[in-house]
Amino acid sequence: MSYLNFQWDPNKAETNRRKHGVTFHEAQSVFYDEFARVIPDPDSSFGEERFIILGVSEEYNTLVVCHCYRGDDEKIRIISARKAEKRERKQYEDCRYA
């Protein structure tokens, strides 16, 4: 297993945990899901290119994680994370079990 380098704002992480019930520590585990899907997030890309990853965490939650890459793509900066909605879980399952 290769190790990825993550970063995030601690204040944002705490706000996200309170609002969505998802920690950024759990969110980073989605990046190790071999079936995860990464898509561009042009609607949220102001001044930097952002992406959304949809995958299953180590806690077996299907999560949607907004992130960007920093430092020549050496670091993954987590911006937000939440549990996937029903239609998003279905999208993930449809791709995974296709």
N, C-alpha and C. Protein backbone atom coordinates (compact mmCIF):
# COMPACT_ATOMS: atom_id res chain seq x y z
N MET A 1 0.84 -1.18 0.00
CA MET A 1 0.00 0.00 0.00
C MET A 1 0.89 1.24 0.00
N SER A 2 0.61 2.14 -0.91
CA SER A 2 1.35 3.40 -0.90
C SER A 2 0.64 4.37 0.04
N TYR A 3 1.39 5.27 0.61
CA TYR A 3 0.82 6.23 1.55
C TYR A 3 0.68 7.58 0.88
N LEU A 4 -0.46 8.17 1.07
CA LEU A 4 -0.75 9.48 0.50
C LEU A 4 -0.53 10.54 1.57
N ASN A 5 -0.26 11.75 1.13
CA ASN A 5 0.02 12.85 2.04
C ASN A 5 -1.20 13.77 2.07
N PHE A 6 -1.85 13.85 3.24
CA PHE A 6 -3.07 14.65 3.39
C PHE A 6 -2.81 15.87 4.24
N GLN A 7 -3.62 16.90 4.00
CA GLN A 7 -3.61 18.09 4.85
C GLN A 7 -5.02 18.66 4.88
N TRP A 8 -5.29 19.44 5.94
CA TRP A 8 -6.57 20.13 6.06
C TRP A 8 -6.47 21.17 7.15
N ASP A 9 -7.42 22.07 7.12
CA ASP A 9 -7.53 23.11 8.15
C ASP A 9 -8.21 22.48 9.36
N PRO A 10 -7.56 22.48 10.54
CA PRO A 10 -8.15 21.85 11.73
C PRO A 10 -9.50 22.46 12.13
N ASN A 11 -9.65 23.77 11.97
CA ASN A 11 -10.93 24.41 12.29
C ASN A 11 -12.03 23.94 11.35
N LYS A 12 -11.70 23.84 10.07
CA LYS A 12 -12.66 23.36 9.07
C LYS A 12 -13.01 21.90 9.35
N ALA A 13 -12.03 21.11 9.77
CA ALA A 13 -12.28 19.70 10.08
C ALA A 13 -13.28 19.55 11.22
N GLU A 14 -13.13 20.37 12.25
CA GLU A 14 -14.04 20.32 13.40
C GLU A 14 -15.44 20.78 13.00
N THR A 15 -15.51 21.85 12.22
CA THR A 15 -16.81 22.32 11.73
C THR A 15 -17.49 21.24 10.90
N ASN A 16 -16.73 20.59 10.04
CA ASN A 16 -17.26 19.52 9.19
C ASN A 16 -17.77 18.36 10.04
N ARG A 17 -17.02 17.98 11.08
CA ARG A 17 -17.43 16.88 11.96
C ARG A 17 -18.77 17.20 12.64
N ARG A 18 -18.90 18.42 13.13
CA ARG A 18 -20.14 18.81 13.80
C ARG A 18 -21.32 18.87 12.81
N LYS A 19 -21.07 19.39 11.62
CA LYS A 19 -22.14 19.57 10.64
C LYS A 19 -22.56 18.26 9.98
N HIS A 20 -21.57 17.43 9.60
CA HIS A 20 -21.85 16.24 8.79
C HIS A 20 -21.62 14.92 9.52
N GLY A 21 -21.00 14.97 10.70
CA GLY A 21 -20.73 13.73 11.43
C GLY A 21 -19.64 12.89 10.82
N VAL A 22 -18.77 13.50 10.02
CA VAL A 22 -17.68 12.79 9.36
C VAL A 22 -16.37 13.49 9.69
N THR A 23 -15.40 12.74 10.19
CA THR A 23 -14.08 13.32 10.46
C THR A 23 -13.24 13.28 9.18
N PHE A 24 -12.27 14.16 9.10
CA PHE A 24 -11.38 14.14 7.95
C PHE A 24 -10.45 12.93 8.01
N HIS A 25 -10.21 12.38 9.20
CA HIS A 25 -9.43 11.13 9.29
C HIS A 25 -10.18 9.99 8.60
N GLU A 26 -11.48 9.91 8.84
CA GLU A 26 -12.27 8.89 8.14
C GLU A 26 -12.30 9.20 6.65
N ALA A 27 -12.46 10.46 6.29
CA ALA A 27 -12.55 10.86 4.88
C ALA A 27 -11.30 10.46 4.09
N GLN A 28 -10.13 10.56 4.71
CA GLN A 28 -8.92 10.23 3.96
C GLN A 28 -8.87 8.75 3.59
N SER A 29 -9.56 7.90 4.33
CA SER A 29 -9.53 6.46 4.01
C SER A 29 -10.24 6.15 2.69
N VAL A 30 -11.12 7.04 2.23
CA VAL A 30 -11.82 6.84 0.96
C VAL A 30 -10.82 6.77 -0.20
N PHE A 31 -9.70 7.47 -0.08
CA PHE A 31 -8.71 7.51 -1.15
C PHE A 31 -8.01 6.16 -1.34
N TYR A 32 -8.18 5.25 -0.40
CA TYR A 32 -7.60 3.91 -0.51
C TYR A 32 -8.62 2.88 -1.02
N ASP A 33 -9.84 3.32 -1.31
CA ASP A 33 -10.87 2.45 -1.86
C ASP A 33 -10.58 2.27 -3.35
N GLU A 34 -10.27 1.06 -3.74
CA GLU A 34 -9.89 0.82 -5.14
C GLU A 34 -11.04 1.04 -6.11
N PHE A 35 -12.27 1.11 -5.62
CA PHE A 35 -13.42 1.34 -6.48
C PHE A 35 -13.91 2.79 -6.45
N ALA A 36 -13.23 3.65 -5.72
CA ALA A 36 -13.64 5.06 -5.60
C ALA A 36 -13.59 5.73 -6.97
N ARG A 37 -14.47 6.70 -7.14
CA ARG A 37 -14.54 7.48 -8.37
C ARG A 37 -14.16 8.92 -8.08
N VAL A 38 -13.28 9.48 -8.88
CA VAL A 38 -12.89 10.89 -8.75
C VAL A 38 -13.43 11.64 -9.96
N ILE A 39 -14.12 12.75 -9.68
CA ILE A 39 -14.64 13.58 -10.76
C ILE A 39 -14.30 15.04 -10.49
N PRO A 40 -14.10 15.83 -11.54
CA PRO A 40 -13.85 17.27 -11.34
C PRO A 40 -15.07 17.94 -10.71
N ASP A 41 -14.83 18.99 -9.97
CA ASP A 41 -15.91 19.76 -9.32
C ASP A 41 -15.83 21.21 -9.79
N PRO A 42 -16.19 21.47 -11.07
CA PRO A 42 -16.03 22.82 -11.61
C PRO A 42 -16.90 23.86 -10.91
N ASP A 43 -18.02 23.44 -10.32
CA ASP A 43 -18.90 24.40 -9.64
C ASP A 43 -18.27 24.99 -8.39
N SER A 44 -17.30 24.29 -7.80
CA SER A 44 -16.64 24.76 -6.58
C SER A 44 -15.20 25.19 -6.82
N SER A 45 -14.76 25.19 -8.06
CA SER A 45 -13.37 25.50 -8.38
C SER A 45 -13.19 26.98 -8.65
N PHE A 46 -12.90 27.73 -7.60
CA PHE A 46 -12.65 29.17 -7.73
C PHE A 46 -11.19 29.42 -7.36
N GLY A 47 -10.35 29.62 -8.36
CA GLY A 47 -8.94 29.88 -8.10
C GLY A 47 -8.09 28.63 -7.95
N GLU A 48 -8.73 27.47 -7.82
CA GLU A 48 -8.00 26.21 -7.77
C GLU A 48 -8.92 25.11 -8.28
N GLU A 49 -8.34 24.10 -8.88
CA GLU A 49 -9.13 23.00 -9.41
C GLU A 49 -9.50 22.06 -8.26
N ARG A 50 -10.78 21.81 -8.10
CA ARG A 50 -11.26 20.93 -7.04
C ARG A 50 -11.89 19.67 -7.63
N PHE A 51 -11.90 18.64 -6.80
CA PHE A 51 -12.41 17.34 -7.21
C PHE A 51 -13.30 16.77 -6.12
N ILE A 52 -14.13 15.82 -6.52
CA ILE A 52 -14.95 15.06 -5.59
C ILE A 52 -14.58 13.60 -5.76
N ILE A 53 -14.38 12.93 -4.63
CA ILE A 53 -14.18 11.48 -4.67
C ILE A 53 -15.36 10.84 -3.96
N LEU A 54 -15.89 9.81 -4.56
CA LEU A 54 -17.02 9.06 -4.02
C LEU A 54 -16.52 7.65 -3.76
N GLY A 55 -16.54 7.24 -2.50
CA GLY A 55 -16.03 5.91 -2.16
C GLY A 55 -16.42 5.50 -0.75
N VAL A 56 -15.99 4.30 -0.38
CA VAL A 56 -16.31 3.74 0.93
C VAL A 56 -15.13 3.94 1.87
N SER A 57 -15.44 4.38 3.08
CA SER A 57 -14.41 4.64 4.09
C SER A 57 -14.10 3.38 4.88
N GLU A 58 -13.08 3.49 5.73
CA GLU A 58 -12.72 2.37 6.60
C GLU A 58 -13.81 2.06 7.62
N GLU A 59 -14.75 2.98 7.81
CA GLU A 59 -15.89 2.77 8.70
C GLU A 59 -17.10 2.22 7.93
N TYR A 60 -16.89 1.88 6.65
CA TYR A 60 -17.92 1.32 5.77
C TYR A 60 -19.05 2.30 5.48
N ASN A 61 -18.73 3.59 5.49
CA ASN A 61 -19.66 4.62 5.07
C ASN A 61 -19.31 5.04 3.65
N THR A 62 -20.31 5.23 2.81
CA THR A 62 -20.06 5.78 1.49
C THR A 62 -20.02 7.30 1.65
N LEU A 63 -18.88 7.89 1.29
CA LEU A 63 -18.65 9.31 1.52
C LEU A 63 -18.42 10.06 0.22
N VAL A 64 -18.74 11.34 0.26
CA VAL A 64 -18.43 12.30 -0.79
C VAL A 64 -17.42 13.26 -0.18
N VAL A 65 -16.21 13.30 -0.76
CA VAL A 65 -15.13 14.11 -0.20
C VAL A 65 -14.66 15.11 -1.25
N CYS A 66 -14.79 16.39 -0.94
CA CYS A 66 -14.28 17.46 -1.80
C CYS A 66 -12.82 17.69 -1.44
N HIS A 67 -11.97 17.79 -2.45
CA HIS A 67 -10.54 17.95 -2.19
C HIS A 67 -9.86 18.66 -3.36
N CYS A 68 -8.63 19.05 -3.13
CA CYS A 68 -7.78 19.60 -4.19
C CYS A 68 -6.37 19.07 -3.97
N TYR A 69 -5.53 19.31 -4.95
CA TYR A 69 -4.14 18.86 -4.87
C TYR A 69 -3.25 20.08 -4.70
N ARG A 70 -2.26 19.96 -3.86
CA ARG A 70 -1.33 21.07 -3.58
C ARG A 70 0.10 20.60 -3.80
N GLY A 71 0.98 21.56 -4.08
CA GLY A 71 2.40 21.25 -4.20
C GLY A 71 2.72 20.25 -5.27
N ASP A 72 2.39 20.57 -6.51
CA ASP A 72 2.62 19.65 -7.63
C ASP A 72 1.99 18.29 -7.37
N ASP A 73 0.79 18.32 -6.83
CA ASP A 73 0.00 17.11 -6.56
C ASP A 73 0.60 16.20 -5.49
N GLU A 74 1.52 16.73 -4.68
CA GLU A 74 2.12 15.91 -3.63
C GLU A 74 1.23 15.79 -2.41
N LYS A 75 0.33 16.75 -2.20
CA LYS A 75 -0.54 16.72 -1.03
C LYS A 75 -1.99 16.79 -1.47
N ILE A 76 -2.81 16.04 -0.76
CA ILE A 76 -4.25 16.09 -0.98
C ILE A 76 -4.84 16.90 0.16
N ARG A 77 -5.46 18.02 -0.18
CA ARG A 77 -6.08 18.88 0.83
C ARG A 77 -7.57 18.59 0.87
N ILE A 78 -8.03 18.07 2.00
CA ILE A 78 -9.45 17.77 2.16
C ILE A 78 -10.18 19.06 2.54
N ILE A 79 -11.24 19.35 1.81
CA ILE A 79 -12.00 20.58 2.00
C ILE A 79 -13.30 20.30 2.76
N SER A 80 -13.99 19.23 2.40
CA SER A 80 -15.21 18.85 3.10
C SER A 80 -15.49 17.37 2.86
N ALA A 81 -16.32 16.80 3.74
CA ALA A 81 -16.69 15.40 3.61
C ALA A 81 -18.07 15.20 4.23
N ARG A 82 -18.86 14.37 3.57
CA ARG A 82 -20.19 14.07 4.10
C ARG A 82 -20.58 12.67 3.65
N LYS A 83 -21.58 12.13 4.32
CA LYS A 83 -22.11 10.84 3.90
C LYS A 83 -22.88 11.02 2.59
N ALA A 84 -22.72 10.05 1.73
CA ALA A 84 -23.39 10.10 0.43
C ALA A 84 -24.90 9.99 0.59
N GLU A 85 -25.60 10.69 -0.28
CA GLU A 85 -27.05 10.58 -0.34
C GLU A 85 -27.41 9.28 -1.06
N LYS A 86 -28.67 8.90 -0.97
CA LYS A 86 -29.12 7.63 -1.55
C LYS A 86 -28.74 7.49 -3.02
N ARG A 87 -28.98 8.54 -3.81
CA ARG A 87 -28.67 8.45 -5.25
C ARG A 87 -27.17 8.32 -5.49
N GLU A 88 -26.35 8.95 -4.63
CA GLU A 88 -24.89 8.86 -4.76
C GLU A 88 -24.40 7.45 -4.38
N ARG A 89 -25.00 6.88 -3.35
CA ARG A 89 -24.65 5.49 -2.98
C ARG A 89 -24.99 4.55 -4.13
N LYS A 90 -26.13 4.79 -4.77
CA LYS A 90 -26.53 3.95 -5.91
C LYS A 90 -25.54 4.11 -7.06
N GLN A 91 -25.10 5.34 -7.34
CA GLN A 91 -24.10 5.56 -8.39
C GLN A 91 -22.83 4.75 -8.09
N TYR A 92 -22.38 4.82 -6.85
CA TYR A 92 -21.16 4.10 -6.45
C TYR A 92 -21.37 2.60 -6.65
N GLU A 93 -22.48 2.08 -6.14
CA GLU A 93 -22.75 0.65 -6.23
C GLU A 93 -22.90 0.20 -7.68
N ASP A 94 -23.56 1.01 -8.51
CA ASP A 94 -23.72 0.66 -9.92
C ASP A 94 -22.37 0.55 -10.62
N CYS A 95 -21.45 1.46 -10.31
CA CYS A 95 -20.11 1.42 -10.92
C CYS A 95 -19.29 0.26 -10.37
N ARG A 96 -19.39 0.05 -9.07
CA ARG A 96 -18.57 -0.99 -8.43
C ARG A 96 -18.98 -2.38 -8.88
N TYR A 97 -20.27 -2.62 -8.99
CA TYR A 97 -20.75 -3.97 -9.28
C TYR A 97 -21.16 -4.15 -10.74
N ALA A 98 -20.75 -3.23 -11.60
CA ALA A 98 -21.09 -3.33 -13.03
C ALA A 98 -20.30 -4.43 -13.71
